[in-house]
Amino acid sequence: MYETERLVQELAKYEIDVRNVVVNQVLFPEDSAGASGSKHDCKKCLARRRMQSKYLEQIASLYEDFHVVYVPQLDDEVRGVQQITQFSEKLVQNAPAPPPPPAKAASAAQ
């Protein structure tokens, strides 16, 4: 967050217009509706989503006048022309920010 804001301010000093922000490696909730039919994330994924949600809220308020692109965290490294082409499509699809994770239950914190 701080590095991005410093970069935006530094570019503005040189009258370089910044209108786009890419937020990379965002965890979106997984649709794990399998045989059990339930939708949930693992405990570590939920914890990571909770940490990210704080920063995503800051990004939304700080860069409300910018075009913000949320790129999901991928399962594999992007390599080769085909994968780069598929990845580049995510940059122009304009996906909304992921929904906030469920609130952490008080009993789970102990």
PDB file of N, CA and C in Angstrom:
ATOM      1  N   MET A   1       0.829  -1.192   0.000  1.00  0.00           N
ATOM      2  CA  MET A   1       0.000   0.000   0.000  1.00  0.00           C
ATOM      3  C   MET A   1       0.870   1.252   0.000  1.00  0.00           C
ATOM      4  N   TYR A   2       1.838   1.276   0.906  1.00  0.00           N
ATOM      5  CA  TYR A   2       2.671   2.472   1.032  1.00  0.00           C
ATOM      6  C   TYR A   2       3.529   2.687  -0.215  1.00  0.00           C
ATOM      7  N   GLU A   3       4.062   1.599  -0.744  1.00  0.00           N
ATOM      8  CA  GLU A   3       4.892   1.709  -1.939  1.00  0.00           C
ATOM      9  C   GLU A   3       4.078   2.209  -3.132  1.00  0.00           C
ATOM     10  N   THR A   4       2.862   1.722  -3.248  1.00  0.00           N
ATOM     11  CA  THR A   4       2.000   2.157  -4.344  1.00  0.00           C
ATOM     12  C   THR A   4       1.681   3.636  -4.221  1.00  0.00           C
ATOM     13  N   GLU A   5       1.343   4.060  -3.021  1.00  0.00           N
ATOM     14  CA  GLU A   5       1.004   5.474  -2.820  1.00  0.00           C
ATOM     15  C   GLU A   5       2.209   6.370  -3.074  1.00  0.00           C
ATOM     16  N   ARG A   6       3.381   5.945  -2.623  1.00  0.00           N
ATOM     17  CA  ARG A   6       4.591   6.733  -2.900  1.00  0.00           C
ATOM     18  C   ARG A   6       4.858   6.822  -4.395  1.00  0.00           C
ATOM     19  N   LEU A   7       4.664   5.722  -5.094  1.00  0.00           N
ATOM     20  CA  LEU A   7       4.874   5.718  -6.544  1.00  0.00           C
ATOM     21  C   LEU A   7       3.890   6.651  -7.243  1.00  0.00           C
ATOM     22  N   VAL A   8       2.634   6.587  -6.871  1.00  0.00           N
ATOM     23  CA  VAL A   8       1.617   7.459  -7.468  1.00  0.00           C
ATOM     24  C   VAL A   8       1.974   8.925  -7.229  1.00  0.00           C
ATOM     25  N   GLN A   9       2.393   9.254  -6.015  1.00  0.00           N
ATOM     26  CA  GLN A   9       2.764  10.639  -5.701  1.00  0.00           C
ATOM     27  C   GLN A   9       4.021  11.064  -6.457  1.00  0.00           C
ATOM     28  N   GLU A  10       4.982  10.178  -6.564  1.00  0.00           N
ATOM     29  CA  GLU A  10       6.219  10.497  -7.287  1.00  0.00           C
ATOM     30  C   GLU A  10       5.934  10.716  -8.776  1.00  0.00           C
ATOM     31  N   LEU A  11       5.100   9.881  -9.355  1.00  0.00           N
ATOM     32  CA  LEU A  11       4.739  10.057 -10.761  1.00  0.00           C
ATOM     33  C   LEU A  11       3.967  11.359 -10.971  1.00  0.00           C
ATOM     34  N   ALA A  12       3.115  11.709 -10.028  1.00  0.00           N
ATOM     35  CA  ALA A  12       2.359  12.963 -10.116  1.00  0.00           C
ATOM     36  C   ALA A  12       3.297  14.165 -10.087  1.00  0.00           C
ATOM     37  N   LYS A  13       4.381  14.062  -9.315  1.00  0.00           N
ATOM     38  CA  LYS A  13       5.363  15.159  -9.274  1.00  0.00           C
ATOM     39  C   LYS A  13       5.929  15.447 -10.667  1.00  0.00           C
ATOM     40  N   TYR A  14       6.061  14.407 -11.453  1.00  0.00           N
ATOM     41  CA  TYR A  14       6.610  14.552 -12.806  1.00  0.00           C
ATOM     42  C   TYR A  14       5.505  14.670 -13.858  1.00  0.00           C
ATOM     43  N   GLU A  15       4.289  14.953 -13.366  1.00  0.00           N
ATOM     44  CA  GLU A  15       3.117  15.137 -14.214  1.00  0.00           C
ATOM     45  C   GLU A  15       2.823  13.927 -15.097  1.00  0.00           C
ATOM     46  N   ILE A  16       3.089  12.747 -14.540  1.00  0.00           N
ATOM     47  CA  ILE A  16       2.729  11.498 -15.211  1.00  0.00           C
ATOM     48  C   ILE A  16       1.399  11.059 -14.631  1.00  0.00           C
ATOM     49  N   ASP A  17       0.409  10.992 -15.484  1.00  0.00           N
ATOM     50  CA  ASP A  17      -0.947  10.680 -15.058  1.00  0.00           C
ATOM     51  C   ASP A  17      -1.097   9.182 -14.767  1.00  0.00           C
ATOM     52  N   VAL A  18      -1.595   8.868 -13.594  1.00  0.00           N
ATOM     53  CA  VAL A  18      -1.852   7.491 -13.212  1.00  0.00           C
ATOM     54  C   VAL A  18      -3.350   7.342 -12.995  1.00  0.00           C
ATOM     55  N   ARG A  19      -3.950   6.448 -13.753  1.00  0.00           N
ATOM     56  CA  ARG A  19      -5.392   6.234 -13.627  1.00  0.00           C
ATOM     57  C   ARG A  19      -5.744   4.795 -13.325  1.00  0.00           C
ATOM     58  N   ASN A  20      -4.767   3.914 -13.436  1.00  0.00           N
ATOM     59  CA  ASN A  20      -5.019   2.487 -13.268  1.00  0.00           C
ATOM     60  C   ASN A  20      -4.159   1.919 -12.146  1.00  0.00           C
ATOM     61  N   VAL A  21      -4.759   1.045 -11.365  1.00  0.00           N
ATOM     62  CA  VAL A  21      -4.050   0.343 -10.308  1.00  0.00           C
ATOM     63  C   VAL A  21      -4.398  -1.133 -10.438  1.00  0.00           C
ATOM     64  N   VAL A  22      -3.374  -1.982 -10.438  1.00  0.00           N
ATOM     65  CA  VAL A  22      -3.578  -3.428 -10.498  1.00  0.00           C
ATOM     66  C   VAL A  22      -3.267  -4.004  -9.130  1.00  0.00           C
ATOM     67  N   VAL A  23      -4.233  -4.692  -8.571  1.00  0.00           N
ATOM     68  CA  VAL A  23      -4.061  -5.362  -7.292  1.00  0.00           C
ATOM     69  C   VAL A  23      -3.918  -6.846  -7.621  1.00  0.00           C
ATOM     70  N   ASN A  24      -2.711  -7.351  -7.424  1.00  0.00           N
ATOM     71  CA  ASN A  24      -2.381  -8.701  -7.849  1.00  0.00           C
ATOM     72  C   ASN A  24      -2.443  -9.678  -6.683  1.00  0.00           C
ATOM     73  N   GLN A  25      -2.625 -10.943  -7.000  1.00  0.00           N
ATOM     74  CA  GLN A  25      -2.636 -12.053  -6.048  1.00  0.00           C
ATOM     75  C   GLN A  25      -3.725 -11.911  -4.986  1.00  0.00           C
ATOM     76  N   VAL A  26      -4.907 -11.523  -5.414  1.00  0.00           N
ATOM     77  CA  VAL A  26      -6.047 -11.382  -4.507  1.00  0.00           C
ATOM     78  C   VAL A  26      -6.731 -12.743  -4.367  1.00  0.00           C
ATOM     79  N   LEU A  27      -6.979 -13.119  -3.127  1.00  0.00           N
ATOM     80  CA  LEU A  27      -7.700 -14.374  -2.883  1.00  0.00           C
ATOM     81  C   LEU A  27      -9.201 -14.115  -2.981  1.00  0.00           C
ATOM     82  N   PHE A  28      -9.818 -14.769  -3.920  1.00  0.00           N
ATOM     83  CA  PHE A  28     -11.262 -14.740  -4.047  1.00  0.00           C
ATOM     84  C   PHE A  28     -11.796 -15.997  -3.372  1.00  0.00           C
ATOM     85  N   PRO A  29     -13.025 -15.963  -2.863  1.00  0.00           N
ATOM     86  CA  PRO A  29     -13.555 -17.182  -2.238  1.00  0.00           C
ATOM     87  C   PRO A  29     -13.648 -18.289  -3.279  1.00  0.00           C
ATOM     88  N   GLU A  30     -13.277 -19.483  -2.862  1.00  0.00           N
ATOM     89  CA  GLU A  30     -13.344 -20.614  -3.774  1.00  0.00           C
ATOM     90  C   GLU A  30     -14.730 -21.212  -3.737  1.00  0.00           C
ATOM     91  N   ASP A  31     -15.200 -21.603  -4.901  1.00  0.00           N
ATOM     92  CA  ASP A  31     -16.466 -22.324  -4.970  1.00  0.00           C
ATOM     93  C   ASP A  31     -16.127 -23.800  -4.830  1.00  0.00           C
ATOM     94  N   SER A  32     -16.149 -24.267  -3.608  1.00  0.00           N
ATOM     95  CA  SER A  32     -15.777 -25.655  -3.349  1.00  0.00           C
ATOM     96  C   SER A  32     -17.012 -26.513  -3.111  1.00  0.00           C
ATOM     97  N   ALA A  33     -18.088 -26.169  -3.822  1.00  0.00           N
ATOM     98  CA  ALA A  33     -19.313 -26.955  -3.686  1.00  0.00           C
ATOM     99  C   ALA A  33     -19.097 -28.296  -4.370  1.00  0.00           C
ATOM    100  N   GLY A  34     -18.619 -29.229  -3.609  1.00  0.00           N
ATOM    101  CA  GLY A  34     -18.332 -30.559  -4.145  1.00  0.00           C
ATOM    102  C   GLY A  34     -19.425 -31.518  -3.757  1.00  0.00           C
ATOM    103  N   ALA A  35     -19.012 -32.696  -3.413  1.00  0.00           N
ATOM    104  CA  ALA A  35     -19.985 -33.736  -3.068  1.00  0.00           C
ATOM    105  C   ALA A  35     -20.807 -33.352  -1.838  1.00  0.00           C
ATOM    106  N   SER A  36     -20.185 -32.615  -0.916  1.00  0.00           N
ATOM    107  CA  SER A  36     -20.923 -32.233   0.292  1.00  0.00           C
ATOM    108  C   SER A  36     -21.888 -31.084   0.042  1.00  0.00           C
ATOM    109  N   GLY A  37     -21.657 -30.328  -1.057  1.00  0.00           N
ATOM    110  CA  GLY A  37     -22.542 -29.224  -1.390  1.00  0.00           C
ATOM    111  C   GLY A  37     -22.282 -27.962  -0.613  1.00  0.00           C
ATOM    112  N   SER A  38     -21.226 -27.938   0.223  1.00  0.00           N
ATOM    113  CA  SER A  38     -20.954 -26.743   1.020  1.00  0.00           C
ATOM    114  C   SER A  38     -19.965 -25.838   0.312  1.00  0.00           C
ATOM    115  N   LYS A  39     -20.091 -24.561   0.577  1.00  0.00           N
ATOM    116  CA  LYS A  39     -19.168 -23.566   0.030  1.00  0.00           C
ATOM    117  C   LYS A  39     -18.380 -22.981   1.185  1.00  0.00           C
ATOM    118  N   HIS A  40     -17.066 -23.202   1.218  1.00  0.00           N
ATOM    119  CA  HIS A  40     -16.246 -22.639   2.276  1.00  0.00           C
ATOM    120  C   HIS A  40     -14.795 -22.662   1.845  1.00  0.00           C
ATOM    121  N   ASP A  41     -13.997 -21.866   2.507  1.00  0.00           N
ATOM    122  CA  ASP A  41     -12.563 -21.844   2.300  1.00  0.00           C
ATOM    123  C   ASP A  41     -11.891 -22.569   3.457  1.00  0.00           C
ATOM    124  N   CYS A  42     -10.678 -23.006   3.228  1.00  0.00           N
ATOM    125  CA  CYS A  42      -9.919 -23.597   4.327  1.00  0.00           C
ATOM    126  C   CYS A  42      -9.597 -22.502   5.347  1.00  0.00           C
ATOM    127  N   LYS A  43      -9.183 -22.902   6.540  1.00  0.00           N
ATOM    128  CA  LYS A  43      -8.907 -21.930   7.608  1.00  0.00           C
ATOM    129  C   LYS A  43      -7.809 -20.949   7.202  1.00  0.00           C
ATOM    130  N   LYS A  44      -6.761 -21.435   6.555  1.00  0.00           N
ATOM    131  CA  LYS A  44      -5.663 -20.559   6.148  1.00  0.00           C
ATOM    132  C   LYS A  44      -6.113 -19.584   5.064  1.00  0.00           C
ATOM    133  N   CYS A  45      -6.947 -20.058   4.161  1.00  0.00           N
ATOM    134  CA  CYS A  45      -7.456 -19.174   3.105  1.00  0.00           C
ATOM    135  C   CYS A  45      -8.337 -18.080   3.699  1.00  0.00           C
ATOM    136  N   LEU A  46      -9.186 -18.457   4.644  1.00  0.00           N
ATOM    137  CA  LEU A  46     -10.040 -17.453   5.302  1.00  0.00           C
ATOM    138  C   LEU A  46      -9.206 -16.429   6.055  1.00  0.00           C
ATOM    139  N   ALA A  47      -8.162 -16.895   6.736  1.00  0.00           N
ATOM    140  CA  ALA A  47      -7.293 -15.970   7.463  1.00  0.00           C
ATOM    141  C   ALA A  47      -6.610 -14.995   6.492  1.00  0.00           C
ATOM    142  N   ARG A  48      -6.142 -15.510   5.376  1.00  0.00           N
ATOM    143  CA  ARG A  48      -5.492 -14.656   4.372  1.00  0.00           C
ATOM    144  C   ARG A  48      -6.498 -13.673   3.791  1.00  0.00           C
ATOM    145  N   ARG A  49      -7.709 -14.119   3.518  1.00  0.00           N
ATOM    146  CA  ARG A  49      -8.742 -13.224   2.982  1.00  0.00           C
ATOM    147  C   ARG A  49      -9.076 -12.128   3.987  1.00  0.00           C
ATOM    148  N   ARG A  50      -9.093 -12.459   5.272  1.00  0.00           N
ATOM    149  CA  ARG A  50      -9.363 -11.436   6.290  1.00  0.00           C
ATOM    150  C   ARG A  50      -8.261 -10.380   6.293  1.00  0.00           C
ATOM    151  N   MET A  51      -7.012 -10.832   6.192  1.00  0.00           N
ATOM    152  CA  MET A  51      -5.903  -9.871   6.148  1.00  0.00           C
ATOM    153  C   MET A  51      -6.010  -8.997   4.896  1.00  0.00           C
ATOM    154  N   GLN A  52      -6.287  -9.624   3.767  1.00  0.00           N
ATOM    155  CA  GLN A  52      -6.378  -8.866   2.525  1.00  0.00           C
ATOM    156  C   GLN A  52      -7.560  -7.915   2.522  1.00  0.00           C
ATOM    157  N   SER A  53      -8.655  -8.290   3.161  1.00  0.00           N
ATOM    158  CA  SER A  53      -9.858  -7.457   3.105  1.00  0.00           C
ATOM    159  C   SER A  53      -9.598  -6.068   3.682  1.00  0.00           C
ATOM    160  N   LYS A  54      -8.756  -5.990   4.705  1.00  0.00           N
ATOM    161  CA  LYS A  54      -8.411  -4.689   5.288  1.00  0.00           C
ATOM    162  C   LYS A  54      -7.736  -3.805   4.236  1.00  0.00           C
ATOM    163  N   TYR A  55      -6.801  -4.380   3.509  1.00  0.00           N
ATOM    164  CA  TYR A  55      -6.089  -3.620   2.490  1.00  0.00           C
ATOM    165  C   TYR A  55      -6.982  -3.315   1.287  1.00  0.00           C
ATOM    166  N   LEU A  56      -7.856  -4.238   0.940  1.00  0.00           N
ATOM    167  CA  LEU A  56      -8.771  -3.998  -0.181  1.00  0.00           C
ATOM    168  C   LEU A  56      -9.722  -2.841   0.128  1.00  0.00           C
ATOM    169  N   GLU A  57     -10.141  -2.734   1.387  1.00  0.00           N
ATOM    170  CA  GLU A  57     -10.982  -1.601   1.790  1.00  0.00           C
ATOM    171  C   GLU A  57     -10.207  -0.290   1.668  1.00  0.00           C
ATOM    172  N   GLN A  58      -8.946  -0.307   2.087  1.00  0.00           N
ATOM    173  CA  GLN A  58      -8.114   0.894   1.971  1.00  0.00           C
ATOM    174  C   GLN A  58      -7.924   1.282   0.505  1.00  0.00           C
ATOM    175  N   ILE A  59      -7.689   0.303  -0.335  1.00  0.00           N
ATOM    176  CA  ILE A  59      -7.507   0.560  -1.767  1.00  0.00           C
ATOM    177  C   ILE A  59      -8.771   1.170  -2.349  1.00  0.00           C
ATOM    178  N   ALA A  60      -9.911   0.613  -1.986  1.00  0.00           N
ATOM    179  CA  ALA A  60     -11.186   1.113  -2.502  1.00  0.00           C
ATOM    180  C   ALA A  60     -11.408   2.572  -2.130  1.00  0.00           C
ATOM    181  N   SER A  61     -11.055   2.950  -0.905  1.00  0.00           N
ATOM    182  CA  SER A  61     -11.280   4.336  -0.500  1.00  0.00           C
ATOM    183  C   SER A  61     -10.182   5.267  -1.017  1.00  0.00           C
ATOM    184  N   LEU A  62      -8.947   4.802  -1.010  1.00  0.00           N
ATOM    185  CA  LEU A  62      -7.830   5.643  -1.434  1.00  0.00           C
ATOM    186  C   LEU A  62      -7.818   5.870  -2.944  1.00  0.00           C
ATOM    187  N   TYR A  63      -8.219   4.870  -3.687  1.00  0.00           N
ATOM    188  CA  TYR A  63      -8.158   4.949  -5.152  1.00  0.00           C
ATOM    189  C   TYR A  63      -9.542   4.906  -5.786  1.00  0.00           C
ATOM    190  N   GLU A  64     -10.508   5.549  -5.135  1.00  0.00           N
ATOM    191  CA  GLU A  64     -11.879   5.517  -5.655  1.00  0.00           C
ATOM    192  C   GLU A  64     -12.014   6.191  -7.016  1.00  0.00           C
ATOM    193  N   ASP A  65     -11.102   7.111  -7.353  1.00  0.00           N
ATOM    194  CA  ASP A  65     -11.160   7.787  -8.651  1.00  0.00           C
ATOM    195  C   ASP A  65     -10.301   7.098  -9.705  1.00  0.00           C
ATOM    196  N   PHE A  66      -9.718   5.960  -9.367  1.00  0.00           N
ATOM    197  CA  PHE A  66      -8.857   5.215 -10.272  1.00  0.00           C
ATOM    198  C   PHE A  66      -9.605   4.010 -10.837  1.00  0.00           C
ATOM    199  N   HIS A  67      -9.079   3.493 -11.907  1.00  0.00           N
ATOM    200  CA  HIS A  67      -9.575   2.228 -12.445  1.00  0.00           C
ATOM    201  C   HIS A  67      -8.762   1.139 -11.746  1.00  0.00           C
ATOM    202  N   VAL A  68      -9.384   0.412 -10.838  1.00  0.00           N
ATOM    203  CA  VAL A  68      -8.694  -0.609 -10.053  1.00  0.00           C
ATOM    204  C   VAL A  68      -9.060  -1.981 -10.616  1.00  0.00           C
ATOM    205  N   VAL A  69      -8.038  -2.783 -10.908  1.00  0.00           N
ATOM    206  CA  VAL A  69      -8.230  -4.131 -11.427  1.00  0.00           C
ATOM    207  C   VAL A  69      -7.753  -5.112 -10.363  1.00  0.00           C
ATOM    208  N   TYR A  70      -8.609  -6.058 -10.016  1.00  0.00           N
ATOM    209  CA  TYR A  70      -8.279  -7.075  -9.027  1.00  0.00           C
ATOM    210  C   TYR A  70      -7.957  -8.374  -9.761  1.00  0.00           C
ATOM    211  N   VAL A  71      -6.726  -8.827  -9.649  1.00  0.00           N
ATOM    212  CA  VAL A  71      -6.288 -10.046 -10.322  1.00  0.00           C
ATOM    213  C   VAL A  71      -6.182 -11.151  -9.277  1.00  0.00           C
ATOM    214  N   PRO A  72      -6.868 -12.262  -9.502  1.00  0.00           N
ATOM    215  CA  PRO A  72      -6.847 -13.326  -8.501  1.00  0.00           C
ATOM    216  C   PRO A  72      -5.483 -14.003  -8.410  1.00  0.00           C
ATOM    217  N   GLN A  73      -5.218 -14.541  -7.225  1.00  0.00           N
ATOM    218  CA  GLN A  73      -4.013 -15.351  -7.061  1.00  0.00           C
ATOM    219  C   GLN A  73      -4.207 -16.618  -7.875  1.00  0.00           C
ATOM    220  N   LEU A  74      -3.212 -16.947  -8.656  1.00  0.00           N
ATOM    221  CA  LEU A  74      -3.301 -18.093  -9.544  1.00  0.00           C
ATOM    222  C   LEU A  74      -2.713 -19.334  -8.886  1.00  0.00           C
ATOM    223  N   ASP A  75      -3.114 -20.471  -9.380  1.00  0.00           N
ATOM    224  CA  ASP A  75      -2.607 -21.733  -8.849  1.00  0.00           C
ATOM    225  C   ASP A  75      -1.198 -22.044  -9.358  1.00  0.00           C
ATOM    226  N   ASP A  76      -0.874 -21.521 -10.538  1.00  0.00           N
ATOM    227  CA  ASP A  76       0.413 -21.811 -11.165  1.00  0.00           C
ATOM    228  C   ASP A  76       1.067 -20.529 -11.647  1.00  0.00           C
ATOM    229  N   GLU A  77       2.360 -20.617 -11.886  1.00  0.00           N
ATOM    230  CA  GLU A  77       3.122 -19.502 -12.440  1.00  0.00           C
ATOM    231  C   GLU A  77       2.729 -19.289 -13.903  1.00  0.00           C
ATOM    232  N   VAL A  78       2.655 -18.036 -14.310  1.00  0.00           N
ATOM    233  CA  VAL A  78       2.302 -17.709 -15.690  1.00  0.00           C
ATOM    234  C   VAL A  78       3.556 -17.848 -16.551  1.00  0.00           C
ATOM    235  N   ARG A  79       3.503 -18.778 -17.494  1.00  0.00           N
ATOM    236  CA  ARG A  79       4.648 -19.026 -18.383  1.00  0.00           C
ATOM    237  C   ARG A  79       4.142 -19.313 -19.792  1.00  0.00           C
ATOM    238  N   GLY A  80       4.831 -18.770 -20.751  1.00  0.00           N
ATOM    239  CA  GLY A  80       4.494 -19.044 -22.142  1.00  0.00           C
ATOM    240  C   GLY A  80       3.466 -18.066 -22.685  1.00  0.00           C
ATOM    241  N   VAL A  81       3.417 -18.009 -23.991  1.00  0.00           N
ATOM    242  CA  VAL A  81       2.555 -17.046 -24.680  1.00  0.00           C
ATOM    243  C   VAL A  81       1.079 -17.272 -24.366  1.00  0.00           C
ATOM    244  N   GLN A  82       0.648 -18.517 -24.392  1.00  0.00           N
ATOM    245  CA  GLN A  82      -0.775 -18.806 -24.155  1.00  0.00           C
ATOM    246  C   GLN A  82      -1.198 -18.370 -22.754  1.00  0.00           C
ATOM    247  N   GLN A  83      -0.399 -18.690 -21.741  1.00  0.00           N
ATOM    248  CA  GLN A  83      -0.742 -18.311 -20.375  1.00  0.00           C
ATOM    249  C   GLN A  83      -0.659 -16.803 -20.172  1.00  0.00           C
ATOM    250  N   ILE A  84       0.295 -16.167 -20.794  1.00  0.00           N
ATOM    251  CA  ILE A  84       0.394 -14.701 -20.695  1.00  0.00           C
ATOM    252  C   ILE A  84      -0.822 -14.057 -21.337  1.00  0.00           C
ATOM    253  N   THR A  85      -1.263 -14.597 -22.461  1.00  0.00           N
ATOM    254  CA  THR A  85      -2.452 -14.071 -23.137  1.00  0.00           C
ATOM    255  C   THR A  85      -3.682 -14.227 -22.251  1.00  0.00           C
ATOM    256  N   GLN A  86      -3.827 -15.398 -21.627  1.00  0.00           N
ATOM    257  CA  GLN A  86      -4.963 -15.629 -20.731  1.00  0.00           C
ATOM    258  C   GLN A  86      -4.893 -14.699 -19.518  1.00  0.00           C
ATOM    259  N   PHE A  87      -3.693 -14.517 -18.981  1.00  0.00           N
ATOM    260  CA  PHE A  87      -3.517 -13.634 -17.825  1.00  0.00           C
ATOM    261  C   PHE A  87      -3.849 -12.195 -18.203  1.00  0.00           C
ATOM    262  N   SER A  88      -3.426 -11.759 -19.381  1.00  0.00           N
ATOM    263  CA  SER A  88      -3.671 -10.373 -19.794  1.00  0.00           C
ATOM    264  C   SER A  88      -5.159 -10.073 -19.897  1.00  0.00           C
ATOM    265  N   GLU A  89      -5.952 -11.083 -20.196  1.00  0.00           N
ATOM    266  CA  GLU A  89      -7.400 -10.879 -20.264  1.00  0.00           C
ATOM    267  C   GLU A  89      -7.961 -10.493 -18.901  1.00  0.00           C
ATOM    268  N   LYS A  90      -7.349 -10.998 -17.846  1.00  0.00           N
ATOM    269  CA  LYS A  90      -7.798 -10.652 -16.484  1.00  0.00           C
ATOM    270  C   LYS A  90      -7.574  -9.170 -16.187  1.00  0.00           C
ATOM    271  N   LEU A  91      -6.608  -8.576 -16.866  1.00  0.00           N
ATOM    272  CA  LEU A  91      -6.308  -7.159 -16.632  1.00  0.00           C
ATOM    273  C   LEU A  91      -7.352  -6.234 -17.251  1.00  0.00           C
ATOM    274  N   VAL A  92      -8.099  -6.726 -18.221  1.00  0.00           N
ATOM    275  CA  VAL A  92      -9.094  -5.878 -18.882  1.00  0.00           C
ATOM    276  C   VAL A  92     -10.529  -6.311 -18.591  1.00  0.00           C
ATOM    277  N   GLN A  93     -10.717  -7.385 -17.850  1.00  0.00           N
ATOM    278  CA  GLN A  93     -12.061  -7.871 -17.569  1.00  0.00           C
ATOM    279  C   GLN A  93     -12.804  -7.038 -16.548  1.00  0.00           C
ATOM    280  N   ASN A  94     -12.078  -6.290 -15.738  1.00  0.00           N
ATOM    281  CA  ASN A  94     -12.689  -5.395 -14.754  1.00  0.00           C
ATOM    282  C   ASN A  94     -13.541  -6.137 -13.726  1.00  0.00           C
ATOM    283  N   ALA A  95     -12.981  -7.187 -13.148  1.00  0.00           N
ATOM    284  CA  ALA A  95     -13.687  -7.945 -12.108  1.00  0.00           C
ATOM    285  C   ALA A  95     -13.804  -7.097 -10.846  1.00  0.00           C
ATOM    286  N   PRO A  96     -14.942  -7.185 -10.159  1.00  0.00           N
ATOM    287  CA  PRO A  96     -15.096  -6.437  -8.912  1.00  0.00           C
ATOM    288  C   PRO A  96     -14.213  -7.019  -7.814  1.00  0.00           C
ATOM    289  N   ALA A  97     -14.031  -6.256  -6.771  1.00  0.00           N
ATOM    290  CA  ALA A  97     -13.270  -6.738  -5.615  1.00  0.00           C
ATOM    291  C   ALA A  97     -13.986  -7.943  -5.024  1.00  0.00           C
ATOM    292  N   PRO A  98     -13.238  -8.842  -4.412  1.00  0.00           N
ATOM    293  CA  PRO A  98     -13.895 -10.007  -3.807  1.00  0.00           C
ATOM    294  C   PRO A  98     -14.730  -9.586  -2.616  1.00  0.00           C
ATOM    295  N   PRO A  99     -15.766 -10.364  -2.298  1.00  0.00           N
ATOM    296  CA  PRO A  99     -16.568 -10.036  -1.114  1.00  0.00           C
ATOM    297  C   PRO A  99     -15.733 -10.243   0.141  1.00  0.00           C
ATOM    298  N   PRO A 100     -16.069  -9.529   1.213  1.00  0.00           N
ATOM    299  CA  PRO A 100     -15.312  -9.722   2.454  1.00  0.00           C
ATOM    300  C   PRO A 100     -15.532 -11.129   2.986  1.00  0.00           C
ATOM    301  N   PRO A 101     -14.535 -11.668   3.679  1.00  0.00           N
ATOM    302  CA  PRO A 101     -14.703 -13.004   4.259  1.00  0.00           C
ATOM    303  C   PRO A 101     -15.692 -12.965   5.416  1.00  0.00           C
ATOM    304  N   PRO A 102     -16.227 -14.108   5.775  1.00  0.00           N
ATOM    305  CA  PRO A 102     -17.135 -14.127   6.936  1.00  0.00           C
ATOM    306  C   PRO A 102     -16.399 -13.681   8.189  1.00  0.00           C
ATOM    307  N   ALA A 103     -17.134 -13.070   9.089  1.00  0.00           N
ATOM    308  CA  ALA A 103     -16.536 -12.604  10.345  1.00  0.00           C
ATOM    309  C   ALA A 103     -16.032 -13.810  11.133  1.00  0.00           C
ATOM    310  N   LYS A 104     -14.913 -13.588  11.804  1.00  0.00           N
ATOM    311  CA  LYS A 104     -14.303 -14.650  12.598  1.00  0.00           C
ATOM    312  C   LYS A 104     -15.111 -14.831  13.875  1.00  0.00           C
ATOM    313  N   ALA A 105     -15.524 -16.036  14.151  1.00  0.00           N
ATOM    314  CA  ALA A 105     -16.309 -16.325  15.350  1.00  0.00           C
ATOM    315  C   ALA A 105     -15.443 -16.150  16.587  1.00  0.00           C
ATOM    316  N   ALA A 106     -16.035 -15.671  17.652  1.00  0.00           N
ATOM    317  CA  ALA A 106     -15.310 -15.424  18.904  1.00  0.00           C
ATOM    318  C   ALA A 106     -14.716 -16.711  19.461  1.00  0.00           C
ATOM    319  N   SER A 107     -15.433 -17.817  19.321  1.00  0.00           N
ATOM    320  CA  SER A 107     -14.919 -19.085  19.856  1.00  0.00           C
ATOM    321  C   SER A 107     -13.727 -19.583  19.054  1.00  0.00           C
ATOM    322  N   ALA A 108     -13.650 -19.245  17.763  1.00  0.00           N
ATOM    323  CA  ALA A 108     -12.541 -19.693  16.927  1.00  0.00           C
ATOM    324  C   ALA A 108     -11.258 -18.945  17.270  1.00  0.00           C
ATOM    325  N   ALA A 109     -11.375 -17.782  17.894  1.00  0.00           N
ATOM    326  CA  ALA A 109     -10.204 -16.976  18.219  1.00  0.00           C
ATOM    327  C   ALA A 109      -9.467 -17.531  19.443  1.00  0.00           C
ATOM    328  N   GLN A 110     -10.114 -18.366  20.203  1.00  0.00           N
ATOM    329  CA  GLN A 110      -9.502 -18.871  21.435  1.00  0.00           C
ATOM    330  C   GLN A 110      -8.816 -20.178  21.212  1.00  0.00           C
TER     331      GLN A 110
END
